[in-house]
Amino acid sequence: MIMEWRKSSRSGNAGDCVELRQDLSAVRDSKRPGVSLPVSRDAVRELITKLAR
């Protein structure tokens, strides 16, 4: 199964962004796509909630 990654629409074309896996289970640096950091869905939701304030 191929996992899709999403990046912020505000990241532009510079390539310096953090990407979030579609299922919210990992993040990665767009410059190093072969390396990802597993995270819990709850942690991602909490981060997004705090950033939206």
PDB file of N, CA and C in Angstrom:
ATOM      1  N   MET A   1       0.839  -1.174   0.000  1.00  0.00           N
ATOM      2  CA  MET A   1       0.000   0.000   0.000  1.00  0.00           C
ATOM      3  C   MET A   1       0.890   1.245   0.000  1.00  0.00           C
ATOM      4  N   ILE A   2       0.596   2.178  -0.874  1.00  0.00           N
ATOM      5  CA  ILE A   2       1.350   3.422  -0.972  1.00  0.00           C
ATOM      6  C   ILE A   2       0.684   4.465  -0.088  1.00  0.00           C
ATOM      7  N   MET A   3       1.470   5.068   0.793  1.00  0.00           N
ATOM      8  CA  MET A   3       0.937   6.120   1.649  1.00  0.00           C
ATOM      9  C   MET A   3       1.176   7.466   0.991  1.00  0.00           C
ATOM     10  N   GLU A   4       0.197   8.323   1.095  1.00  0.00           N
ATOM     11  CA  GLU A   4       0.323   9.651   0.532  1.00  0.00           C
ATOM     12  C   GLU A   4       0.718  10.632   1.632  1.00  0.00           C
ATOM     13  N   TRP A   5       1.505  11.613   1.245  1.00  0.00           N
ATOM     14  CA  TRP A   5       1.976  12.645   2.156  1.00  0.00           C
ATOM     15  C   TRP A   5       1.381  13.979   1.742  1.00  0.00           C
ATOM     16  N   ARG A   6       1.104  14.822   2.738  1.00  0.00           N
ATOM     17  CA  ARG A   6       0.540  16.145   2.483  1.00  0.00           C
ATOM     18  C   ARG A   6       1.467  17.196   3.062  1.00  0.00           C
ATOM     19  N   LYS A   7       1.570  18.299   2.372  1.00  0.00           N
ATOM     20  CA  LYS A   7       2.319  19.430   2.922  1.00  0.00           C
ATOM     21  C   LYS A   7       1.427  20.656   2.894  1.00  0.00           C
ATOM     22  N   SER A   8       1.782  21.616   3.679  1.00  0.00           N
ATOM     23  CA  SER A   8       0.992  22.823   3.783  1.00  0.00           C
ATOM     24  C   SER A   8       0.923  23.533   2.435  1.00  0.00           C
ATOM     25  N   SER A   9      -0.226  24.072   2.129  1.00  0.00           N
ATOM     26  CA  SER A   9      -0.366  24.855   0.900  1.00  0.00           C
ATOM     27  C   SER A   9       0.440  26.146   0.982  1.00  0.00           C
ATOM     28  N   ARG A  10       0.848  26.537   2.178  1.00  0.00           N
ATOM     29  CA  ARG A  10       1.645  27.753   2.372  1.00  0.00           C
ATOM     30  C   ARG A  10       3.148  27.500   2.286  1.00  0.00           C
ATOM     31  N   SER A  11       3.546  26.261   2.074  1.00  0.00           N
ATOM     32  CA  SER A  11       4.968  25.958   2.069  1.00  0.00           C
ATOM     33  C   SER A  11       5.674  26.420   0.800  1.00  0.00           C
ATOM     34  N   GLY A  12       4.942  26.671  -0.255  1.00  0.00           N
ATOM     35  CA  GLY A  12       5.534  27.157  -1.494  1.00  0.00           C
ATOM     36  C   GLY A  12       6.366  26.092  -2.190  1.00  0.00           C
ATOM     37  N   ASN A  13       7.254  26.510  -3.054  1.00  0.00           N
ATOM     38  CA  ASN A  13       8.066  25.580  -3.831  1.00  0.00           C
ATOM     39  C   ASN A  13       9.501  25.492  -3.350  1.00  0.00           C
ATOM     40  N   ALA A  14       9.810  26.069  -2.203  1.00  0.00           N
ATOM     41  CA  ALA A  14      11.182  26.077  -1.702  1.00  0.00           C
ATOM     42  C   ALA A  14      11.647  24.695  -1.261  1.00  0.00           C
ATOM     43  N   GLY A  15      10.719  23.828  -0.927  1.00  0.00           N
ATOM     44  CA  GLY A  15      11.080  22.475  -0.514  1.00  0.00           C
ATOM     45  C   GLY A  15      11.446  22.351   0.951  1.00  0.00           C
ATOM     46  N   ASP A  16      11.317  23.423   1.708  1.00  0.00           N
ATOM     47  CA  ASP A  16      11.617  23.404   3.145  1.00  0.00           C
ATOM     48  C   ASP A  16      10.316  23.281   3.925  1.00  0.00           C
ATOM     49  N   CYS A  17       9.806  22.073   4.027  1.00  0.00           N
ATOM     50  CA  CYS A  17       8.544  21.934   4.735  1.00  0.00           C
ATOM     51  C   CYS A  17       8.466  20.587   5.442  1.00  0.00           C
ATOM     52  N   VAL A  18       7.546  20.530   6.358  1.00  0.00           N
ATOM     53  CA  VAL A  18       7.242  19.284   7.062  1.00  0.00           C
ATOM     54  C   VAL A  18       6.007  18.701   6.404  1.00  0.00           C
ATOM     55  N   GLU A  19       6.045  17.417   6.120  1.00  0.00           N
ATOM     56  CA  GLU A  19       4.906  16.755   5.503  1.00  0.00           C
ATOM     57  C   GLU A  19       4.256  15.817   6.514  1.00  0.00           C
ATOM     58  N   LEU A  20       2.961  15.655   6.392  1.00  0.00           N
ATOM     59  CA  LEU A  20       2.174  14.812   7.282  1.00  0.00           C
ATOM     60  C   LEU A  20       1.589  13.668   6.464  1.00  0.00           C
ATOM     61  N   ARG A  21       1.751  12.462   6.967  1.00  0.00           N
ATOM     62  CA  ARG A  21       1.198  11.322   6.248  1.00  0.00           C
ATOM     63  C   ARG A  21      -0.320  11.388   6.271  1.00  0.00           C
ATOM     64  N   GLN A  22      -0.937  10.997   5.180  1.00  0.00           N
ATOM     65  CA  GLN A  22      -2.389  11.115   5.016  1.00  0.00           C
ATOM     66  C   GLN A  22      -3.171  10.494   6.170  1.00  0.00           C
ATOM     67  N   ASP A  23      -2.674   9.398   6.727  1.00  0.00           N
ATOM     68  CA  ASP A  23      -3.398   8.740   7.830  1.00  0.00           C
ATOM     69  C   ASP A  23      -3.027   9.306   9.203  1.00  0.00           C
ATOM     70  N   LEU A  24      -2.275  10.405   9.224  1.00  0.00           N
ATOM     71  CA  LEU A  24      -1.872  11.130  10.439  1.00  0.00           C
ATOM     72  C   LEU A  24      -0.978  10.307  11.367  1.00  0.00           C
ATOM     73  N   SER A  25      -0.217   9.373  10.833  1.00  0.00           N
ATOM     74  CA  SER A  25       0.591   8.511  11.698  1.00  0.00           C
ATOM     75  C   SER A  25       2.092   8.801  11.631  1.00  0.00           C
ATOM     76  N   ALA A  26       2.513   9.778  10.809  1.00  0.00           N
ATOM     77  CA  ALA A  26       3.942  10.079  10.701  1.00  0.00           C
ATOM     78  C   ALA A  26       4.149  11.463  10.088  1.00  0.00           C
ATOM     79  N   VAL A  27       5.302  12.041  10.376  1.00  0.00           N
ATOM     80  CA  VAL A  27       5.728  13.291   9.762  1.00  0.00           C
ATOM     81  C   VAL A  27       7.121  13.088   9.172  1.00  0.00           C
ATOM     82  N   ARG A  28       7.477  13.950   8.209  1.00  0.00           N
ATOM     83  CA  ARG A  28       8.804  13.869   7.617  1.00  0.00           C
ATOM     84  C   ARG A  28       9.217  15.222   7.080  1.00  0.00           C
ATOM     85  N   ASP A  29      10.504  15.376   6.871  1.00  0.00           N
ATOM     86  CA  ASP A  29      11.082  16.567   6.264  1.00  0.00           C
ATOM     87  C   ASP A  29      11.066  16.356   4.755  1.00  0.00           C
ATOM     88  N   SER A  30      10.549  17.297   4.006  1.00  0.00           N
ATOM     89  CA  SER A  30      10.439  17.125   2.559  1.00  0.00           C
ATOM     90  C   SER A  30      11.793  16.965   1.876  1.00  0.00           C
ATOM     91  N   LYS A  31      12.855  17.447   2.525  1.00  0.00           N
ATOM     92  CA  LYS A  31      14.196  17.304   1.948  1.00  0.00           C
ATOM     93  C   LYS A  31      14.760  15.906   2.157  1.00  0.00           C
ATOM     94  N   ARG A  32      14.186  15.144   3.096  1.00  0.00           N
ATOM     95  CA  ARG A  32      14.644  13.773   3.385  1.00  0.00           C
ATOM     96  C   ARG A  32      13.439  12.837   3.418  1.00  0.00           C
ATOM     97  N   PRO A  33      12.800  12.612   2.289  1.00  0.00           N
ATOM     98  CA  PRO A  33      11.552  11.841   2.270  1.00  0.00           C
ATOM     99  C   PRO A  33      11.693  10.373   2.676  1.00  0.00           C
ATOM    100  N   GLY A  34      12.894   9.847   2.712  1.00  0.00           N
ATOM    101  CA  GLY A  34      13.070   8.450   3.106  1.00  0.00           C
ATOM    102  C   GLY A  34      13.055   8.236   4.603  1.00  0.00           C
ATOM    103  N   VAL A  35      13.046   9.323   5.373  1.00  0.00           N
ATOM    104  CA  VAL A  35      13.090   9.240   6.836  1.00  0.00           C
ATOM    105  C   VAL A  35      11.813   9.869   7.389  1.00  0.00           C
ATOM    106  N   SER A  36      11.086   9.115   8.205  1.00  0.00           N
ATOM    107  CA  SER A  36       9.879   9.663   8.808  1.00  0.00           C
ATOM    108  C   SER A  36       9.862   9.389  10.305  1.00  0.00           C
ATOM    109  N   LEU A  37       9.092  10.180  11.018  1.00  0.00           N
ATOM    110  CA  LEU A  37       8.962  10.066  12.466  1.00  0.00           C
ATOM    111  C   LEU A  37       7.537   9.632  12.783  1.00  0.00           C
ATOM    112  N   PRO A  38       7.368   8.445  13.357  1.00  0.00           N
ATOM    113  CA  PRO A  38       6.009   8.016  13.711  1.00  0.00           C
ATOM    114  C   PRO A  38       5.446   8.876  14.836  1.00  0.00           C
ATOM    115  N   VAL A  39       4.183   9.210  14.734  1.00  0.00           N
ATOM    116  CA  VAL A  39       3.495  10.000  15.760  1.00  0.00           C
ATOM    117  C   VAL A  39       2.096   9.423  15.945  1.00  0.00           C
ATOM    118  N   SER A  40       1.507   9.710  17.097  1.00  0.00           N
ATOM    119  CA  SER A  40       0.136   9.250  17.324  1.00  0.00           C
ATOM    120  C   SER A  40      -0.841  10.252  16.704  1.00  0.00           C
ATOM    121  N   ARG A  41      -1.998   9.763  16.320  1.00  0.00           N
ATOM    122  CA  ARG A  41      -3.021  10.652  15.760  1.00  0.00           C
ATOM    123  C   ARG A  41      -3.426  11.711  16.778  1.00  0.00           C
ATOM    124  N   ASP A  42      -3.498  11.323  18.036  1.00  0.00           N
ATOM    125  CA  ASP A  42      -3.865  12.282  19.077  1.00  0.00           C
ATOM    126  C   ASP A  42      -2.844  13.408  19.172  1.00  0.00           C
ATOM    127  N   ALA A  43      -1.574  13.086  19.047  1.00  0.00           N
ATOM    128  CA  ALA A  43      -0.521  14.109  19.098  1.00  0.00           C
ATOM    129  C   ALA A  43      -0.651  15.073  17.928  1.00  0.00           C
ATOM    130  N   VAL A  44      -0.952  14.551  16.753  1.00  0.00           N
ATOM    131  CA  VAL A  44      -1.119  15.411  15.572  1.00  0.00           C
ATOM    132  C   VAL A  44      -2.328  16.316  15.754  1.00  0.00           C
ATOM    133  N   ARG A  45      -3.426  15.761  16.211  1.00  0.00           N
ATOM    134  CA  ARG A  45      -4.634  16.571  16.424  1.00  0.00           C
ATOM    135  C   ARG A  45      -4.383  17.665  17.463  1.00  0.00           C
ATOM    136  N   GLU A  46      -3.683  17.322  18.533  1.00  0.00           N
ATOM    137  CA  GLU A  46      -3.379  18.312  19.571  1.00  0.00           C
ATOM    138  C   GLU A  46      -2.508  19.432  19.010  1.00  0.00           C
ATOM    139  N   LEU A  47      -1.504  19.081  18.226  1.00  0.00           N
ATOM    140  CA  LEU A  47      -0.626  20.083  17.614  1.00  0.00           C
ATOM    141  C   LEU A  47      -1.422  21.011  16.701  1.00  0.00           C
ATOM    142  N   ILE A  48      -2.255  20.437  15.857  1.00  0.00           N
ATOM    143  CA  ILE A  48      -3.049  21.261  14.930  1.00  0.00           C
ATOM    144  C   ILE A  48      -3.990  22.171  15.686  1.00  0.00           C
ATOM    145  N   THR A  49      -4.607  21.655  16.740  1.00  0.00           N
ATOM    146  CA  THR A  49      -5.505  22.478  17.555  1.00  0.00           C
ATOM    147  C   THR A  49      -4.755  23.650  18.173  1.00  0.00           C
ATOM    148  N   LYS A  50      -3.565  23.399  18.702  1.00  0.00           N
ATOM    149  CA  LYS A  50      -2.792  24.476  19.330  1.00  0.00           C
ATOM    150  C   LYS A  50      -2.312  25.500  18.309  1.00  0.00           C
ATOM    151  N   LEU A  51      -1.946  25.032  17.123  1.00  0.00           N
ATOM    152  CA  LEU A  51      -1.481  25.955  16.087  1.00  0.00           C
ATOM    153  C   LEU A  51      -2.612  26.820  15.546  1.00  0.00           C
ATOM    154  N   ALA A  52      -3.813  26.315  15.589  1.00  0.00           N
ATOM    155  CA  ALA A  52      -4.966  27.047  15.049  1.00  0.00           C
ATOM    156  C   ALA A  52      -5.449  28.164  15.967  1.00  0.00           C
ATOM    157  N   ARG A  53      -4.952  28.188  17.183  1.00  0.00           N
ATOM    158  CA  ARG A  53      -5.408  29.232  18.148  1.00  0.00           C
ATOM    159  C   ARG A  53      -4.867  30.574  17.814  1.00  0.00           C
TER     160      ARG A  53
END
